[in-house]
């Protein structure tokens, strides 16, 4: 707070902080309920659906979903798709946005028209499926990366961010003998790290949550990502994700606990990425949305 603030402004600040705290608490309660349910027994979940703290915590649900390689395999596949897909997205977005940020490029407005056009109109599910099948990408992980290689909205924001890089930096680099690719790698990209980090997270979250493309293009259940497997668990309670014979004779499968443990297992890794990139959000997105 400011030292010279009036009593009224101090009261307003306190009220605002209380309201924001309540909103934050409301958003955390569902996650706390899922986490507590994943650590609770089947009996405790049945008696208290709104559980926030288990009385007798147990890791049986987690041990059950990890008793077979199904869940770890799906997690590794999702991590692989997220890393490779995000790298392809960022590289292609940067390489396309950098030339479009220069007004001297011939046909720049025409290319931007086609980019913007894809934001309003697209081929749809069936034509896209036909293209993927015709190119031989069906049942391959490339089908989850190539059709979504560049996001038009992110490309436009990246182009606008590149336009804010001072032209004098590029001119001085050319006087020192640097070519366009060297300028991009050595000067522009280091200056654009807030935007690149922001779009990296956007792309990574999109790949991590990919669901429909897996359903459409992947026919082999051994290649399913974590989100598709999570759907099977939620619909079929266990979905064959675990092996109860490995848990002991007295073990009873807790259906609700298995669902919640699977949700935590599929959500926690991507949540760990947010704290490292959160500081780039406002700076990266707002800086790229100023110019049109």
C-alpha atoms as a PDB file:
ATOM      1  CA  UNK A   1       0.000   0.000   0.000  1.00  0.00           C
ATOM      2  CA  UNK A   2       1.030   3.639  -0.539  1.00  0.00           C
ATOM      3  CA  UNK A   3       2.069   5.453   2.661  1.00  0.00           C
ATOM      4  CA  UNK A   4      -0.052   8.534   1.894  1.00  0.00           C
ATOM      5  CA  UNK A   5      -3.186   6.595   1.018  1.00  0.00           C
ATOM      6  CA  UNK A   6      -6.441   7.630   2.655  1.00  0.00           C
ATOM      7  CA  UNK A   7      -8.362   5.423   5.125  1.00  0.00           C
ATOM      8  CA  UNK A   8     -10.996   4.827   2.462  1.00  0.00           C
ATOM      9  CA  UNK A   9      -8.434   3.538  -0.026  1.00  0.00           C
ATOM     10  CA  UNK A  10      -6.932   1.247   2.628  1.00  0.00           C
ATOM     11  CA  UNK A  11     -10.352  -0.224   3.377  1.00  0.00           C
ATOM     12  CA  UNK A  12     -10.939  -0.701  -0.358  1.00  0.00           C
ATOM     13  CA  UNK A  13      -7.597  -2.498  -0.686  1.00  0.00           C
ATOM     14  CA  UNK A  14      -8.488  -4.814   2.188  1.00  0.00           C
ATOM     15  CA  UNK A  15     -11.891  -5.611   0.662  1.00  0.00           C
ATOM     16  CA  UNK A  16     -10.330  -6.285  -2.738  1.00  0.00           C
ATOM     17  CA  UNK A  17      -7.725  -8.613  -1.198  1.00  0.00           C
ATOM     18  CA  UNK A  18     -10.443 -10.501   0.687  1.00  0.00           C
ATOM     19  CA  UNK A  19     -12.522 -10.908  -2.469  1.00  0.00           C
ATOM     20  CA  UNK A  20      -9.510 -12.114  -4.471  1.00  0.00           C
ATOM     21  CA  UNK A  21      -8.609 -14.545  -1.687  1.00  0.00           C
ATOM     22  CA  UNK A  22     -12.146 -15.955  -1.703  1.00  0.00           C
ATOM     23  CA  UNK A  23     -12.051 -16.392  -5.483  1.00  0.00           C
ATOM     24  CA  UNK A  24      -8.683 -18.145  -5.228  1.00  0.00           C
ATOM     25  CA  UNK A  25     -10.066 -20.395  -2.507  1.00  0.00           C
ATOM     26  CA  UNK A  26     -13.074 -21.291  -4.655  1.00  0.00           C
ATOM     27  CA  UNK A  27     -10.830 -22.297  -7.539  1.00  0.00           C
ATOM     28  CA  UNK A  28      -8.629 -24.424  -5.263  1.00  0.00           C
ATOM     29  CA  UNK A  29     -11.453 -26.328  -3.544  1.00  0.00           C
ATOM     30  CA  UNK A  30     -12.214 -28.683  -6.494  1.00  0.00           C
ATOM     31  CA  UNK A  31      -8.540 -29.567  -6.851  1.00  0.00           C
ATOM     32  CA  UNK A  32      -8.248 -30.174  -3.101  1.00  0.00           C
ATOM     33  CA  UNK A  33     -11.329 -32.404  -3.257  1.00  0.00           C
ATOM     34  CA  UNK A  34      -9.825 -34.493  -6.079  1.00  0.00           C
ATOM     35  CA  UNK A  35      -6.473 -34.760  -4.303  1.00  0.00           C
ATOM     36  CA  UNK A  36      -8.112 -35.794  -1.034  1.00  0.00           C
ATOM     37  CA  UNK A  37     -10.362 -38.288  -2.829  1.00  0.00           C
ATOM     38  CA  UNK A  38      -7.377 -39.887  -4.511  1.00  0.00           C
ATOM     39  CA  UNK A  39      -5.793 -40.466  -1.083  1.00  0.00           C
ATOM     40  CA  UNK A  40      -8.959 -41.703   0.622  1.00  0.00           C
ATOM     41  CA  UNK A  41     -10.347 -45.223   0.888  1.00  0.00           C
ATOM     42  CA  UNK A  42     -13.393 -46.397  -1.052  1.00  0.00           C
ATOM     43  CA  UNK A  43     -15.521 -46.287   2.112  1.00  0.00           C
ATOM     44  CA  UNK A  44     -14.499 -42.724   2.965  1.00  0.00           C
ATOM     45  CA  UNK A  45     -15.199 -41.536  -0.593  1.00  0.00           C
ATOM     46  CA  UNK A  46     -18.645 -43.134  -0.472  1.00  0.00           C
ATOM     47  CA  UNK A  47     -19.523 -41.558   2.875  1.00  0.00           C
ATOM     48  CA  UNK A  48     -18.189 -38.073   2.083  1.00  0.00           C
ATOM     49  CA  UNK A  49     -18.339 -37.003  -1.594  1.00  0.00           C
ATOM     50  CA  UNK A  50     -17.035 -33.478  -0.709  1.00  0.00           C
ATOM     51  CA  UNK A  51     -13.956 -34.731   1.061  1.00  0.00           C
ATOM     52  CA  UNK A  52     -11.200 -32.147   1.616  1.00  0.00           C
ATOM     53  CA  UNK A  53      -8.912 -34.093   3.958  1.00  0.00           C
ATOM     54  CA  UNK A  54      -8.810 -37.887   4.269  1.00  0.00           C
ATOM     55  CA  UNK A  55      -8.828 -39.240   7.805  1.00  0.00           C
ATOM     56  CA  UNK A  56      -6.770 -42.299   6.887  1.00  0.00           C
ATOM     57  CA  UNK A  57      -4.666 -41.422   3.803  1.00  0.00           C
ATOM     58  CA  UNK A  58      -3.691 -44.308   1.581  1.00  0.00           C
ATOM     59  CA  UNK A  59      -1.803 -44.640  -1.691  1.00  0.00           C
ATOM     60  CA  UNK A  60      -3.773 -47.682  -2.838  1.00  0.00           C
ATOM     61  CA  UNK A  61      -5.348 -45.831  -5.775  1.00  0.00           C
ATOM     62  CA  UNK A  62      -1.961 -44.667  -7.036  1.00  0.00           C
ATOM     63  CA  UNK A  63      -0.393 -48.090  -6.534  1.00  0.00           C
ATOM     64  CA  UNK A  64      -3.263 -49.615  -8.458  1.00  0.00           C
ATOM     65  CA  UNK A  65      -2.991 -47.339 -11.527  1.00  0.00           C
ATOM     66  CA  UNK A  66       0.773 -47.912 -11.520  1.00  0.00           C
ATOM     67  CA  UNK A  67       0.493 -51.690 -11.173  1.00  0.00           C
ATOM     68  CA  UNK A  68       0.555 -52.051 -14.968  1.00  0.00           C
ATOM     69  CA  UNK A  69       2.566 -50.098 -17.584  1.00  0.00           C
ATOM     70  CA  UNK A  70      -0.610 -48.645 -19.139  1.00  0.00           C
ATOM     71  CA  UNK A  71      -0.674 -45.329 -17.276  1.00  0.00           C
ATOM     72  CA  UNK A  72       3.116 -44.688 -17.282  1.00  0.00           C
ATOM     73  CA  UNK A  73       3.238 -45.492 -21.003  1.00  0.00           C
ATOM     74  CA  UNK A  74       0.434 -43.043 -21.760  1.00  0.00           C
ATOM     75  CA  UNK A  75       2.197 -40.398 -19.670  1.00  0.00           C
ATOM     76  CA  UNK A  76       5.498 -40.895 -21.512  1.00  0.00           C
ATOM     77  CA  UNK A  77       3.711 -40.714 -24.869  1.00  0.00           C
ATOM     78  CA  UNK A  78       2.025 -37.471 -23.821  1.00  0.00           C
ATOM     79  CA  UNK A  79       5.327 -35.989 -22.654  1.00  0.00           C
ATOM     80  CA  UNK A  80       6.956 -36.981 -25.956  1.00  0.00           C
ATOM     81  CA  UNK A  81       4.123 -35.483 -28.040  1.00  0.00           C
ATOM     82  CA  UNK A  82       4.169 -32.316 -25.930  1.00  0.00           C
ATOM     83  CA  UNK A  83       7.927 -31.775 -26.245  1.00  0.00           C
ATOM     84  CA  UNK A  84       8.227 -32.602 -29.951  1.00  0.00           C
ATOM     85  CA  UNK A  85       5.004 -30.843 -30.924  1.00  0.00           C
ATOM     86  CA  UNK A  86       5.868 -27.695 -28.976  1.00  0.00           C
ATOM     87  CA  UNK A  87       9.324 -27.536 -30.556  1.00  0.00           C
ATOM     88  CA  UNK A  88       7.795 -27.844 -34.042  1.00  0.00           C
ATOM     89  CA  UNK A  89       5.179 -25.203 -33.208  1.00  0.00           C
ATOM     90  CA  UNK A  90       7.674 -22.666 -31.878  1.00  0.00           C
ATOM     91  CA  UNK A  91      10.228 -23.145 -34.663  1.00  0.00           C
ATOM     92  CA  UNK A  92       7.649 -22.830 -37.455  1.00  0.00           C
ATOM     93  CA  UNK A  93       5.831 -19.944 -35.772  1.00  0.00           C
ATOM     94  CA  UNK A  94       9.059 -17.965 -35.300  1.00  0.00           C
ATOM     95  CA  UNK A  95      10.333 -18.692 -38.813  1.00  0.00           C
ATOM     96  CA  UNK A  96       7.026 -17.575 -40.332  1.00  0.00           C
ATOM     97  CA  UNK A  97       6.388 -14.573 -38.065  1.00  0.00           C
ATOM     98  CA  UNK A  98       9.842 -13.046 -38.525  1.00  0.00           C
ATOM     99  CA  UNK A  99       9.561 -12.447 -42.307  1.00  0.00           C
ATOM    100  CA  UNK A 100       5.937 -11.298 -41.987  1.00  0.00           C
ATOM    101  CA  UNK A 101       7.051  -8.642 -39.499  1.00  0.00           C
ATOM    102  CA  UNK A 102       9.042  -6.874 -42.261  1.00  0.00           C
ATOM    103  CA  UNK A 103       7.097  -4.479 -44.436  1.00  0.00           C
ATOM    104  CA  UNK A 104       9.586  -4.878 -47.281  1.00  0.00           C
ATOM    105  CA  UNK A 105       8.578  -8.513 -47.871  1.00  0.00           C
ATOM    106  CA  UNK A 106       6.621  -8.838 -51.135  1.00  0.00           C
ATOM    107  CA  UNK A 107       3.221 -10.471 -50.792  1.00  0.00           C
ATOM    108  CA  UNK A 108       3.183  -9.905 -47.049  1.00  0.00           C
ATOM    109  CA  UNK A 109      -0.424  -8.709 -46.973  1.00  0.00           C
ATOM    110  CA  UNK A 110      -1.583 -11.610 -49.093  1.00  0.00           C
ATOM    111  CA  UNK A 111       0.054 -14.128 -46.765  1.00  0.00           C
ATOM    112  CA  UNK A 112      -1.460 -12.419 -43.741  1.00  0.00           C
ATOM    113  CA  UNK A 113      -4.874 -12.630 -45.419  1.00  0.00           C
ATOM    114  CA  UNK A 114      -4.527 -16.398 -45.785  1.00  0.00           C
ATOM    115  CA  UNK A 115      -3.375 -16.701 -42.178  1.00  0.00           C
ATOM    116  CA  UNK A 116      -6.325 -14.663 -40.923  1.00  0.00           C
ATOM    117  CA  UNK A 117      -8.700 -16.570 -43.189  1.00  0.00           C
ATOM    118  CA  UNK A 118      -7.874 -19.830 -41.423  1.00  0.00           C
ATOM    119  CA  UNK A 119      -9.016 -18.286 -38.140  1.00  0.00           C
ATOM    120  CA  UNK A 120     -12.506 -17.783 -39.559  1.00  0.00           C
ATOM    121  CA  UNK A 121     -12.899 -20.757 -41.891  1.00  0.00           C
ATOM    122  CA  UNK A 122     -11.385 -24.230 -41.925  1.00  0.00           C
ATOM    123  CA  UNK A 123     -11.942 -27.506 -43.727  1.00  0.00           C
ATOM    124  CA  UNK A 124     -13.606 -29.193 -40.792  1.00  0.00           C
ATOM    125  CA  UNK A 125     -13.185 -32.574 -39.182  1.00  0.00           C
ATOM    126  CA  UNK A 126     -13.924 -34.870 -42.132  1.00  0.00           C
ATOM    127  CA  UNK A 127     -11.793 -33.061 -44.775  1.00  0.00           C
ATOM    128  CA  UNK A 128      -8.921 -32.859 -42.297  1.00  0.00           C
ATOM    129  CA  UNK A 129      -9.241 -36.568 -41.593  1.00  0.00           C
ATOM    130  CA  UNK A 130      -9.163 -37.307 -45.331  1.00  0.00           C
ATOM    131  CA  UNK A 131      -5.994 -35.241 -45.727  1.00  0.00           C
ATOM    132  CA  UNK A 132      -4.320 -36.982 -42.789  1.00  0.00           C
ATOM    133  CA  UNK A 133      -5.260 -40.384 -44.190  1.00  0.00           C
ATOM    134  CA  UNK A 134      -4.132 -39.487 -47.716  1.00  0.00           C
ATOM    135  CA  UNK A 135      -0.730 -38.376 -46.458  1.00  0.00           C
ATOM    136  CA  UNK A 136      -0.192 -41.637 -44.580  1.00  0.00           C
ATOM    137  CA  UNK A 137      -0.193 -40.090 -41.114  1.00  0.00           C
ATOM    138  CA  UNK A 138      -2.970 -42.224 -39.636  1.00  0.00           C
ATOM    139  CA  UNK A 139      -2.047 -44.164 -36.495  1.00  0.00           C
ATOM    140  CA  UNK A 140       1.210 -42.240 -36.161  1.00  0.00           C
ATOM    141  CA  UNK A 141       2.236 -39.626 -33.640  1.00  0.00           C
ATOM    142  CA  UNK A 142       3.023 -37.252 -36.506  1.00  0.00           C
ATOM    143  CA  UNK A 143      -0.736 -36.910 -37.017  1.00  0.00           C
ATOM    144  CA  UNK A 144      -0.892 -35.176 -33.632  1.00  0.00           C
ATOM    145  CA  UNK A 145       1.835 -32.664 -34.521  1.00  0.00           C
ATOM    146  CA  UNK A 146       1.773 -31.786 -38.232  1.00  0.00           C
ATOM    147  CA  UNK A 147      -1.932 -30.792 -38.657  1.00  0.00           C
ATOM    148  CA  UNK A 148      -1.577 -28.310 -35.770  1.00  0.00           C
ATOM    149  CA  UNK A 149       1.978 -27.173 -36.540  1.00  0.00           C
ATOM    150  CA  UNK A 150       1.117 -23.442 -36.570  1.00  0.00           C
ATOM    151  CA  UNK A 151      -1.638 -21.625 -34.710  1.00  0.00           C
ATOM    152  CA  UNK A 152      -2.795 -18.566 -36.661  1.00  0.00           C
ATOM    153  CA  UNK A 153      -3.630 -16.515 -33.567  1.00  0.00           C
ATOM    154  CA  UNK A 154      -0.238 -17.162 -31.960  1.00  0.00           C
ATOM    155  CA  UNK A 155       1.465 -16.420 -35.271  1.00  0.00           C
ATOM    156  CA  UNK A 156      -0.169 -12.995 -35.516  1.00  0.00           C
ATOM    157  CA  UNK A 157       0.776 -12.108 -31.945  1.00  0.00           C
ATOM    158  CA  UNK A 158       4.341 -13.266 -32.537  1.00  0.00           C
ATOM    159  CA  UNK A 159       4.550 -11.163 -35.712  1.00  0.00           C
ATOM    160  CA  UNK A 160       3.309  -8.113 -33.826  1.00  0.00           C
ATOM    161  CA  UNK A 161       5.895  -8.710 -31.120  1.00  0.00           C
ATOM    162  CA  UNK A 162       8.686  -8.922 -33.709  1.00  0.00           C
ATOM    163  CA  UNK A 163       7.526  -5.613 -35.180  1.00  0.00           C
ATOM    164  CA  UNK A 164       8.407  -3.924 -31.901  1.00  0.00           C
ATOM    165  CA  UNK A 165      12.067  -4.914 -32.180  1.00  0.00           C
ATOM    166  CA  UNK A 166      13.979  -1.701 -33.129  1.00  0.00           C
ATOM    167  CA  UNK A 167      14.996  -1.610 -36.765  1.00  0.00           C
ATOM    168  CA  UNK A 168      18.305  -0.010 -35.750  1.00  0.00           C
ATOM    169  CA  UNK A 169      19.399  -3.272 -34.138  1.00  0.00           C
ATOM    170  CA  UNK A 170      18.879  -5.155 -37.371  1.00  0.00           C
ATOM    171  CA  UNK A 171      20.650  -2.478 -39.419  1.00  0.00           C
ATOM    172  CA  UNK A 172      23.665  -2.388 -37.113  1.00  0.00           C
ATOM    173  CA  UNK A 173      23.903  -6.177 -37.211  1.00  0.00           C
ATOM    174  CA  UNK A 174      23.895  -6.130 -41.007  1.00  0.00           C
ATOM    175  CA  UNK A 175      26.693  -3.579 -40.980  1.00  0.00           C
ATOM    176  CA  UNK A 176      28.675  -6.075 -38.902  1.00  0.00           C
ATOM    177  CA  UNK A 177      28.125  -8.731 -41.564  1.00  0.00           C
ATOM    178  CA  UNK A 178      25.267 -10.698 -39.999  1.00  0.00           C
ATOM    179  CA  UNK A 179      22.694 -12.317 -42.272  1.00  0.00           C
ATOM    180  CA  UNK A 180      18.947 -12.527 -41.652  1.00  0.00           C
ATOM    181  CA  UNK A 181      19.123 -15.917 -39.919  1.00  0.00           C
ATOM    182  CA  UNK A 182      21.976 -14.738 -37.685  1.00  0.00           C
ATOM    183  CA  UNK A 183      20.027 -11.630 -36.730  1.00  0.00           C
ATOM    184  CA  UNK A 184      17.018 -13.759 -35.839  1.00  0.00           C
ATOM    185  CA  UNK A 185      18.977 -16.237 -33.718  1.00  0.00           C
ATOM    186  CA  UNK A 186      21.440 -13.883 -32.016  1.00  0.00           C
ATOM    187  CA  UNK A 187      19.374 -10.709 -31.556  1.00  0.00           C
ATOM    188  CA  UNK A 188      15.638 -11.120 -32.123  1.00  0.00           C
ATOM    189  CA  UNK A 189      15.021 -14.388 -30.300  1.00  0.00           C
ATOM    190  CA  UNK A 190      16.866 -13.339 -27.080  1.00  0.00           C
ATOM    191  CA  UNK A 191      14.864 -10.094 -27.049  1.00  0.00           C
ATOM    192  CA  UNK A 192      11.623 -11.991 -27.687  1.00  0.00           C
ATOM    193  CA  UNK A 193      11.972 -14.614 -24.964  1.00  0.00           C
ATOM    194  CA  UNK A 194       8.907 -13.369 -23.015  1.00  0.00           C
ATOM    195  CA  UNK A 195       6.680 -13.920 -26.055  1.00  0.00           C
ATOM    196  CA  UNK A 196       8.351 -17.187 -27.013  1.00  0.00           C
ATOM    197  CA  UNK A 197       8.041 -18.531 -23.457  1.00  0.00           C
ATOM    198  CA  UNK A 198       4.374 -17.573 -23.352  1.00  0.00           C
ATOM    199  CA  UNK A 199       3.533 -19.246 -26.650  1.00  0.00           C
ATOM    200  CA  UNK A 200       5.616 -22.253 -25.656  1.00  0.00           C
ATOM    201  CA  UNK A 201       3.318 -22.769 -22.705  1.00  0.00           C
ATOM    202  CA  UNK A 202       0.216 -22.217 -24.854  1.00  0.00           C
ATOM    203  CA  UNK A 203       1.364 -24.841 -27.341  1.00  0.00           C
ATOM    204  CA  UNK A 204       2.513 -27.236 -24.612  1.00  0.00           C
ATOM    205  CA  UNK A 205      -0.832 -27.110 -22.791  1.00  0.00           C
ATOM    206  CA  UNK A 206      -2.684 -27.662 -26.076  1.00  0.00           C
ATOM    207  CA  UNK A 207      -0.605 -30.757 -26.848  1.00  0.00           C
ATOM    208  CA  UNK A 208      -0.901 -32.044 -23.296  1.00  0.00           C
ATOM    209  CA  UNK A 209      -4.701 -31.765 -23.442  1.00  0.00           C
ATOM    210  CA  UNK A 210      -5.048 -33.126 -26.975  1.00  0.00           C
ATOM    211  CA  UNK A 211      -7.978 -35.512 -27.108  1.00  0.00           C
ATOM    212  CA  UNK A 212     -10.069 -35.347 -30.268  1.00  0.00           C
ATOM    213  CA  UNK A 213      -7.146 -35.757 -32.656  1.00  0.00           C
ATOM    214  CA  UNK A 214      -6.056 -38.890 -30.793  1.00  0.00           C
ATOM    215  CA  UNK A 215      -9.564 -40.314 -31.061  1.00  0.00           C
ATOM    216  CA  UNK A 216      -9.678 -39.546 -34.794  1.00  0.00           C
ATOM    217  CA  UNK A 217      -6.183 -40.483 -35.939  1.00  0.00           C
ATOM    218  CA  UNK A 218      -4.844 -43.103 -33.493  1.00  0.00           C
ATOM    219  CA  UNK A 219      -6.393 -46.577 -33.757  1.00  0.00           C
ATOM    220  CA  UNK A 220      -3.872 -48.412 -31.582  1.00  0.00           C
ATOM    221  CA  UNK A 221      -4.724 -48.141 -27.883  1.00  0.00           C
ATOM    222  CA  UNK A 222      -1.039 -48.640 -27.035  1.00  0.00           C
ATOM    223  CA  UNK A 223      -0.394 -45.189 -28.562  1.00  0.00           C
ATOM    224  CA  UNK A 224      -3.098 -43.355 -26.627  1.00  0.00           C
ATOM    225  CA  UNK A 225      -2.191 -40.205 -24.730  1.00  0.00           C
ATOM    226  CA  UNK A 226      -2.972 -39.627 -21.077  1.00  0.00           C
ATOM    227  CA  UNK A 227      -6.173 -37.677 -21.770  1.00  0.00           C
ATOM    228  CA  UNK A 228      -7.769 -40.479 -23.810  1.00  0.00           C
ATOM    229  CA  UNK A 229      -6.797 -43.016 -21.189  1.00  0.00           C
ATOM    230  CA  UNK A 230      -8.256 -40.726 -18.519  1.00  0.00           C
ATOM    231  CA  UNK A 231     -11.551 -40.733 -20.416  1.00  0.00           C
ATOM    232  CA  UNK A 232     -11.578 -44.525 -20.385  1.00  0.00           C
ATOM    233  CA  UNK A 233     -10.948 -44.552 -16.661  1.00  0.00           C
ATOM    234  CA  UNK A 234     -13.701 -42.022 -15.934  1.00  0.00           C
ATOM    235  CA  UNK A 235     -16.249 -43.851 -18.107  1.00  0.00           C
ATOM    236  CA  UNK A 236     -15.331 -47.423 -17.157  1.00  0.00           C
ATOM    237  CA  UNK A 237     -14.204 -46.644 -13.579  1.00  0.00           C
ATOM    238  CA  UNK A 238     -10.920 -48.542 -13.989  1.00  0.00           C
ATOM    239  CA  UNK A 239     -10.708 -49.083 -17.755  1.00  0.00           C
ATOM    240  CA  UNK A 240      -8.175 -51.918 -17.310  1.00  0.00           C
ATOM    241  CA  UNK A 241      -5.556 -49.470 -16.110  1.00  0.00           C
ATOM    242  CA  UNK A 242      -4.490 -51.588 -13.131  1.00  0.00           C
ATOM    243  CA  UNK A 243      -4.030 -55.166 -12.018  1.00  0.00           C
ATOM    244  CA  UNK A 244      -5.802 -55.946  -8.735  1.00  0.00           C
ATOM    245  CA  UNK A 245      -4.031 -59.322  -8.449  1.00  0.00           C
ATOM    246  CA  UNK A 246      -0.810 -57.461  -7.726  1.00  0.00           C
ATOM    247  CA  UNK A 247      -2.363 -55.535  -4.836  1.00  0.00           C
ATOM    248  CA  UNK A 248      -3.012 -58.439  -2.468  1.00  0.00           C
ATOM    249  CA  UNK A 249      -6.037 -60.609  -1.714  1.00  0.00           C
ATOM    250  CA  UNK A 250      -7.666 -58.124   0.672  1.00  0.00           C
ATOM    251  CA  UNK A 251      -7.492 -55.236  -1.789  1.00  0.00           C
ATOM    252  CA  UNK A 252     -10.784 -53.781  -3.039  1.00  0.00           C
ATOM    253  CA  UNK A 253     -10.665 -51.472  -6.050  1.00  0.00           C
ATOM    254  CA  UNK A 254     -11.836 -47.967  -5.015  1.00  0.00           C
ATOM    255  CA  UNK A 255     -13.545 -46.727  -8.231  1.00  0.00           C
ATOM    256  CA  UNK A 256     -13.832 -43.077  -7.183  1.00  0.00           C
ATOM    257  CA  UNK A 257     -10.303 -43.011  -5.809  1.00  0.00           C
ATOM    258  CA  UNK A 258      -8.913 -44.503  -9.037  1.00  0.00           C
ATOM    259  CA  UNK A 259     -10.625 -41.803 -11.095  1.00  0.00           C
ATOM    260  CA  UNK A 260      -9.291 -39.018  -8.912  1.00  0.00           C
ATOM    261  CA  UNK A 261      -5.796 -40.520  -8.766  1.00  0.00           C
ATOM    262  CA  UNK A 262      -5.756 -40.703 -12.571  1.00  0.00           C
ATOM    263  CA  UNK A 263      -6.826 -37.046 -12.788  1.00  0.00           C
ATOM    264  CA  UNK A 264      -4.028 -35.973 -10.432  1.00  0.00           C
ATOM    265  CA  UNK A 265      -1.539 -38.172 -12.270  1.00  0.00           C
ATOM    266  CA  UNK A 266      -2.445 -36.588 -15.620  1.00  0.00           C
ATOM    267  CA  UNK A 267      -2.649 -33.004 -14.350  1.00  0.00           C
ATOM    268  CA  UNK A 268       0.294 -32.620 -11.984  1.00  0.00           C
ATOM    269  CA  UNK A 269       3.150 -32.675 -14.580  1.00  0.00           C
ATOM    270  CA  UNK A 270       1.768 -29.801 -16.658  1.00  0.00           C
ATOM    271  CA  UNK A 271       0.950 -27.811 -13.498  1.00  0.00           C
ATOM    272  CA  UNK A 272       4.630 -27.928 -12.574  1.00  0.00           C
ATOM    273  CA  UNK A 273       5.454 -25.937 -15.721  1.00  0.00           C
ATOM    274  CA  UNK A 274       3.284 -22.923 -14.872  1.00  0.00           C
ATOM    275  CA  UNK A 275       5.376 -21.397 -12.040  1.00  0.00           C
ATOM    276  CA  UNK A 276       8.429 -21.164 -14.299  1.00  0.00           C
ATOM    277  CA  UNK A 277       6.646 -19.383 -17.175  1.00  0.00           C
ATOM    278  CA  UNK A 278       3.886 -17.461 -15.393  1.00  0.00           C
ATOM    279  CA  UNK A 279       5.908 -14.235 -15.166  1.00  0.00           C
ATOM    280  CA  UNK A 280       6.094 -14.082 -18.979  1.00  0.00           C
ATOM    281  CA  UNK A 281       2.313 -14.187 -19.543  1.00  0.00           C
ATOM    282  CA  UNK A 282       1.308 -10.530 -19.261  1.00  0.00           C
ATOM    283  CA  UNK A 283       4.518  -9.139 -20.745  1.00  0.00           C
ATOM    284  CA  UNK A 284       4.593 -11.578 -23.638  1.00  0.00           C
ATOM    285  CA  UNK A 285       0.937 -11.495 -24.710  1.00  0.00           C
ATOM    286  CA  UNK A 286       0.228  -7.814 -24.099  1.00  0.00           C
ATOM    287  CA  UNK A 287       3.375  -6.665 -25.920  1.00  0.00           C
ATOM    288  CA  UNK A 288       2.377  -8.663 -28.980  1.00  0.00           C
ATOM    289  CA  UNK A 289      -1.223  -7.442 -28.991  1.00  0.00           C
ATOM    290  CA  UNK A 290      -0.540  -3.702 -29.120  1.00  0.00           C
ATOM    291  CA  UNK A 291       0.109  -3.360 -32.824  1.00  0.00           C
ATOM    292  CA  UNK A 292      -2.173  -4.671 -35.537  1.00  0.00           C
END
